[in-house]
């Protein structure tokens, strides 16, 4: 019994010359804010990137549809007057650029992409609030995007 008591009081990694990690180090025993060495982004970053890519693709689709026979109606909705298809296409392309570029760099750990998506989400929330009840879906999507960008795992992913 004496040998087992001594052996039980020792923790893994306490024996001199032993090359194994201690009880609070290694992959599963690491502190929760060790995203610095992690190669894959947290789930929040992946979801936010997919949402932003989806919104960017929808903007590109809107730009393409504006070039069709429905261009007059779309330009009237976007600009307030018929016949402004080039302005509507430019606005949709700028919108697509603002969503797609940060979404593509989000998974590459570029801090500016996180800040850009936070700003875009805030603008989307403001636009959704001003266009209630029609903008309810856009409001929900942008609130989700903002929440994902402000969660702790996302912050730690960008600040190793």
C-alpha atoms as a PDB file:
ATOM      1  CA  UNK A   1       0.000   0.000   0.000  1.00  0.00           C
ATOM      2  CA  UNK A   2       2.879   2.306   0.709  1.00  0.00           C
ATOM      3  CA  UNK A   3       4.058   2.186  -2.914  1.00  0.00           C
ATOM      4  CA  UNK A   4       0.622   3.007  -4.274  1.00  0.00           C
ATOM      5  CA  UNK A   5       0.200   6.049  -2.014  1.00  0.00           C
ATOM      6  CA  UNK A   6       3.488   7.467  -3.229  1.00  0.00           C
ATOM      7  CA  UNK A   7       2.590   6.720  -6.819  1.00  0.00           C
ATOM      8  CA  UNK A   8      -0.867   8.308  -6.457  1.00  0.00           C
ATOM      9  CA  UNK A   9       0.532  11.525  -4.995  1.00  0.00           C
ATOM     10  CA  UNK A  10       2.692  12.049  -8.051  1.00  0.00           C
ATOM     11  CA  UNK A  11       1.089  13.723 -10.999  1.00  0.00           C
ATOM     12  CA  UNK A  12       1.904  13.025 -14.556  1.00  0.00           C
ATOM     13  CA  UNK A  13       4.917  15.050 -15.570  1.00  0.00           C
ATOM     14  CA  UNK A  14       6.324  15.309 -12.022  1.00  0.00           C
ATOM     15  CA  UNK A  15       8.873  12.549 -12.440  1.00  0.00           C
ATOM     16  CA  UNK A  16      12.280  13.996 -13.403  1.00  0.00           C
ATOM     17  CA  UNK A  17      13.389  12.993 -16.870  1.00  0.00           C
ATOM     18  CA  UNK A  18       9.855  12.191 -17.975  1.00  0.00           C
ATOM     19  CA  UNK A  19       9.101  13.779 -21.356  1.00  0.00           C
ATOM     20  CA  UNK A  20       5.308  13.784 -21.150  1.00  0.00           C
ATOM     21  CA  UNK A  21       3.397  17.059 -20.649  1.00  0.00           C
ATOM     22  CA  UNK A  22       2.105  18.027 -17.229  1.00  0.00           C
ATOM     23  CA  UNK A  23      -1.548  17.828 -16.195  1.00  0.00           C
ATOM     24  CA  UNK A  24      -2.388  21.345 -17.444  1.00  0.00           C
ATOM     25  CA  UNK A  25      -0.548  21.405 -20.713  1.00  0.00           C
ATOM     26  CA  UNK A  26      -0.940  19.715 -24.030  1.00  0.00           C
ATOM     27  CA  UNK A  27      -3.861  19.734 -26.441  1.00  0.00           C
ATOM     28  CA  UNK A  28      -6.757  18.932 -24.098  1.00  0.00           C
ATOM     29  CA  UNK A  29      -5.388  20.382 -20.878  1.00  0.00           C
ATOM     30  CA  UNK A  30      -4.508  23.762 -22.378  1.00  0.00           C
ATOM     31  CA  UNK A  31      -6.046  27.008 -21.240  1.00  0.00           C
ATOM     32  CA  UNK A  32      -9.228  27.880 -23.195  1.00  0.00           C
ATOM     33  CA  UNK A  33      -7.755  31.015 -24.750  1.00  0.00           C
ATOM     34  CA  UNK A  34      -4.962  29.343 -26.695  1.00  0.00           C
ATOM     35  CA  UNK A  35      -6.251  29.958 -30.207  1.00  0.00           C
ATOM     36  CA  UNK A  36      -2.844  31.328 -31.181  1.00  0.00           C
ATOM     37  CA  UNK A  37      -1.469  27.954 -32.235  1.00  0.00           C
ATOM     38  CA  UNK A  38      -4.724  26.619 -33.606  1.00  0.00           C
ATOM     39  CA  UNK A  39      -4.701  26.010 -37.350  1.00  0.00           C
ATOM     40  CA  UNK A  40      -8.435  25.822 -37.971  1.00  0.00           C
ATOM     41  CA  UNK A  41     -10.655  28.793 -37.176  1.00  0.00           C
ATOM     42  CA  UNK A  42     -13.335  28.574 -34.493  1.00  0.00           C
ATOM     43  CA  UNK A  43     -16.832  27.599 -35.558  1.00  0.00           C
ATOM     44  CA  UNK A  44     -18.028  31.202 -35.128  1.00  0.00           C
ATOM     45  CA  UNK A  45     -15.510  32.444 -37.705  1.00  0.00           C
ATOM     46  CA  UNK A  46     -16.515  29.750 -40.190  1.00  0.00           C
ATOM     47  CA  UNK A  47     -20.233  30.502 -39.805  1.00  0.00           C
ATOM     48  CA  UNK A  48     -19.686  34.266 -40.130  1.00  0.00           C
ATOM     49  CA  UNK A  49     -17.591  33.709 -43.242  1.00  0.00           C
ATOM     50  CA  UNK A  50     -20.307  31.560 -44.827  1.00  0.00           C
ATOM     51  CA  UNK A  51     -22.981  34.154 -43.995  1.00  0.00           C
ATOM     52  CA  UNK A  52     -20.926  36.983 -45.498  1.00  0.00           C
ATOM     53  CA  UNK A  53     -20.129  34.949 -48.623  1.00  0.00           C
ATOM     54  CA  UNK A  54     -23.838  34.175 -49.021  1.00  0.00           C
ATOM     55  CA  UNK A  55     -24.759  37.856 -48.740  1.00  0.00           C
ATOM     56  CA  UNK A  56     -22.031  38.771 -51.238  1.00  0.00           C
ATOM     57  CA  UNK A  57     -23.288  36.188 -53.715  1.00  0.00           C
ATOM     58  CA  UNK A  58     -26.825  37.578 -53.351  1.00  0.00           C
ATOM     59  CA  UNK A  59     -25.484  41.056 -54.164  1.00  0.00           C
ATOM     60  CA  UNK A  60     -23.730  39.680 -57.255  1.00  0.00           C
ATOM     61  CA  UNK A  61     -26.971  38.004 -58.299  1.00  0.00           C
ATOM     62  CA  UNK A  62     -28.780  41.310 -57.873  1.00  0.00           C
ATOM     63  CA  UNK A  63     -26.201  43.018 -60.107  1.00  0.00           C
ATOM     64  CA  UNK A  64     -26.676  40.363 -62.790  1.00  0.00           C
ATOM     65  CA  UNK A  65     -30.466  40.595 -62.576  1.00  0.00           C
ATOM     66  CA  UNK A  66     -30.245  44.369 -62.924  1.00  0.00           C
ATOM     67  CA  UNK A  67     -28.684  43.845 -66.346  1.00  0.00           C
ATOM     68  CA  UNK A  68     -31.762  41.927 -67.551  1.00  0.00           C
ATOM     69  CA  UNK A  69     -35.169  43.233 -68.548  1.00  0.00           C
ATOM     70  CA  UNK A  70     -36.012  43.609 -64.842  1.00  0.00           C
ATOM     71  CA  UNK A  71     -33.338  46.297 -64.524  1.00  0.00           C
ATOM     72  CA  UNK A  72     -35.805  49.200 -64.572  1.00  0.00           C
ATOM     73  CA  UNK A  73     -37.830  47.798 -61.676  1.00  0.00           C
ATOM     74  CA  UNK A  74     -34.727  46.939 -59.663  1.00  0.00           C
ATOM     75  CA  UNK A  75     -33.167  50.355 -60.262  1.00  0.00           C
ATOM     76  CA  UNK A  76     -36.436  51.998 -59.213  1.00  0.00           C
ATOM     77  CA  UNK A  77     -36.393  50.080 -55.931  1.00  0.00           C
ATOM     78  CA  UNK A  78     -32.688  50.781 -55.270  1.00  0.00           C
ATOM     79  CA  UNK A  79     -32.359  54.361 -56.499  1.00  0.00           C
ATOM     80  CA  UNK A  80     -35.917  55.677 -56.539  1.00  0.00           C
ATOM     81  CA  UNK A  81     -36.125  56.320 -60.282  1.00  0.00           C
ATOM     82  CA  UNK A  82     -36.345  54.204 -63.429  1.00  0.00           C
ATOM     83  CA  UNK A  83     -33.502  54.093 -65.902  1.00  0.00           C
ATOM     84  CA  UNK A  84     -30.666  54.127 -63.351  1.00  0.00           C
ATOM     85  CA  UNK A  85     -29.547  50.557 -64.069  1.00  0.00           C
ATOM     86  CA  UNK A  86     -25.818  51.474 -64.176  1.00  0.00           C
ATOM     87  CA  UNK A  87     -26.084  53.058 -60.721  1.00  0.00           C
ATOM     88  CA  UNK A  88     -27.957  50.014 -59.385  1.00  0.00           C
ATOM     89  CA  UNK A  89     -25.340  47.638 -60.845  1.00  0.00           C
ATOM     90  CA  UNK A  90     -22.523  49.701 -59.328  1.00  0.00           C
ATOM     91  CA  UNK A  91     -24.254  49.738 -55.930  1.00  0.00           C
ATOM     92  CA  UNK A  92     -24.784  45.961 -56.026  1.00  0.00           C
ATOM     93  CA  UNK A  93     -21.161  45.346 -57.049  1.00  0.00           C
ATOM     94  CA  UNK A  94     -19.853  47.574 -54.248  1.00  0.00           C
ATOM     95  CA  UNK A  95     -22.121  45.725 -51.811  1.00  0.00           C
ATOM     96  CA  UNK A  96     -20.798  42.372 -53.059  1.00  0.00           C
ATOM     97  CA  UNK A  97     -17.206  43.599 -52.684  1.00  0.00           C
ATOM     98  CA  UNK A  98     -17.865  44.791 -49.122  1.00  0.00           C
ATOM     99  CA  UNK A  99     -19.206  41.358 -48.131  1.00  0.00           C
ATOM    100  CA  UNK A 100     -16.955  39.021 -50.127  1.00  0.00           C
ATOM    101  CA  UNK A 101     -13.480  40.459 -49.548  1.00  0.00           C
ATOM    102  CA  UNK A 102     -13.640  40.443 -45.716  1.00  0.00           C
ATOM    103  CA  UNK A 103     -15.331  37.021 -45.771  1.00  0.00           C
ATOM    104  CA  UNK A 104     -12.467  35.540 -47.756  1.00  0.00           C
ATOM    105  CA  UNK A 105      -9.802  37.044 -45.462  1.00  0.00           C
ATOM    106  CA  UNK A 106     -11.673  36.219 -42.251  1.00  0.00           C
ATOM    107  CA  UNK A 107     -10.410  32.637 -42.217  1.00  0.00           C
ATOM    108  CA  UNK A 108      -6.869  33.903 -42.913  1.00  0.00           C
ATOM    109  CA  UNK A 109      -6.851  35.771 -39.592  1.00  0.00           C
ATOM    110  CA  UNK A 110      -6.751  39.289 -40.960  1.00  0.00           C
ATOM    111  CA  UNK A 111      -7.907  41.632 -38.185  1.00  0.00           C
ATOM    112  CA  UNK A 112      -9.185  44.248 -40.623  1.00  0.00           C
ATOM    113  CA  UNK A 113     -11.649  41.691 -42.021  1.00  0.00           C
ATOM    114  CA  UNK A 114     -13.214  41.228 -38.583  1.00  0.00           C
ATOM    115  CA  UNK A 115     -13.489  44.971 -38.034  1.00  0.00           C
ATOM    116  CA  UNK A 116     -14.952  45.461 -41.515  1.00  0.00           C
ATOM    117  CA  UNK A 117     -17.611  42.800 -40.934  1.00  0.00           C
ATOM    118  CA  UNK A 118     -18.473  44.345 -37.565  1.00  0.00           C
ATOM    119  CA  UNK A 119     -19.020  47.697 -39.320  1.00  0.00           C
ATOM    120  CA  UNK A 120     -21.024  46.080 -42.131  1.00  0.00           C
ATOM    121  CA  UNK A 121     -23.168  44.227 -39.582  1.00  0.00           C
ATOM    122  CA  UNK A 122     -23.799  47.469 -37.680  1.00  0.00           C
ATOM    123  CA  UNK A 123     -24.861  49.216 -40.904  1.00  0.00           C
ATOM    124  CA  UNK A 124     -27.074  46.241 -41.776  1.00  0.00           C
ATOM    125  CA  UNK A 125     -28.702  46.406 -38.344  1.00  0.00           C
ATOM    126  CA  UNK A 126     -29.358  50.129 -38.777  1.00  0.00           C
ATOM    127  CA  UNK A 127     -30.849  49.519 -42.227  1.00  0.00           C
ATOM    128  CA  UNK A 128     -32.963  46.654 -40.923  1.00  0.00           C
ATOM    129  CA  UNK A 129     -34.330  48.762 -38.067  1.00  0.00           C
ATOM    130  CA  UNK A 130     -35.213  51.630 -40.432  1.00  0.00           C
ATOM    131  CA  UNK A 131     -37.048  49.297 -42.805  1.00  0.00           C
ATOM    132  CA  UNK A 132     -39.073  47.303 -40.290  1.00  0.00           C
ATOM    133  CA  UNK A 133     -41.138  45.127 -40.702  1.00  0.00           C
ATOM    134  CA  UNK A 134     -39.914  44.397 -44.249  1.00  0.00           C
ATOM    135  CA  UNK A 135     -36.258  44.262 -43.157  1.00  0.00           C
ATOM    136  CA  UNK A 136     -36.766  41.727 -40.378  1.00  0.00           C
ATOM    137  CA  UNK A 137     -34.788  38.957 -42.097  1.00  0.00           C
ATOM    138  CA  UNK A 138     -31.881  41.290 -42.906  1.00  0.00           C
ATOM    139  CA  UNK A 139     -31.928  42.556 -39.340  1.00  0.00           C
ATOM    140  CA  UNK A 140     -31.753  39.000 -37.973  1.00  0.00           C
ATOM    141  CA  UNK A 141     -28.904  38.042 -40.322  1.00  0.00           C
ATOM    142  CA  UNK A 142     -26.840  41.106 -39.446  1.00  0.00           C
ATOM    143  CA  UNK A 143     -27.457  40.705 -35.697  1.00  0.00           C
ATOM    144  CA  UNK A 144     -26.246  37.112 -36.014  1.00  0.00           C
ATOM    145  CA  UNK A 145     -23.167  38.264 -37.923  1.00  0.00           C
ATOM    146  CA  UNK A 146     -22.386  40.884 -35.278  1.00  0.00           C
ATOM    147  CA  UNK A 147     -22.834  38.418 -32.410  1.00  0.00           C
ATOM    148  CA  UNK A 148     -20.519  35.915 -34.117  1.00  0.00           C
ATOM    149  CA  UNK A 149     -17.842  38.584 -34.615  1.00  0.00           C
ATOM    150  CA  UNK A 150     -17.979  39.711 -30.970  1.00  0.00           C
ATOM    151  CA  UNK A 151     -17.827  36.295 -29.272  1.00  0.00           C
ATOM    152  CA  UNK A 152     -14.770  35.363 -27.239  1.00  0.00           C
ATOM    153  CA  UNK A 153     -13.445  32.554 -29.491  1.00  0.00           C
ATOM    154  CA  UNK A 154     -13.549  34.934 -32.463  1.00  0.00           C
ATOM    155  CA  UNK A 155     -11.710  37.652 -30.531  1.00  0.00           C
ATOM    156  CA  UNK A 156      -9.052  35.187 -29.425  1.00  0.00           C
ATOM    157  CA  UNK A 157      -8.634  33.842 -32.969  1.00  0.00           C
ATOM    158  CA  UNK A 158      -7.676  37.327 -34.181  1.00  0.00           C
ATOM    159  CA  UNK A 159      -5.538  38.268 -31.162  1.00  0.00           C
ATOM    160  CA  UNK A 160      -3.097  35.370 -30.650  1.00  0.00           C
END
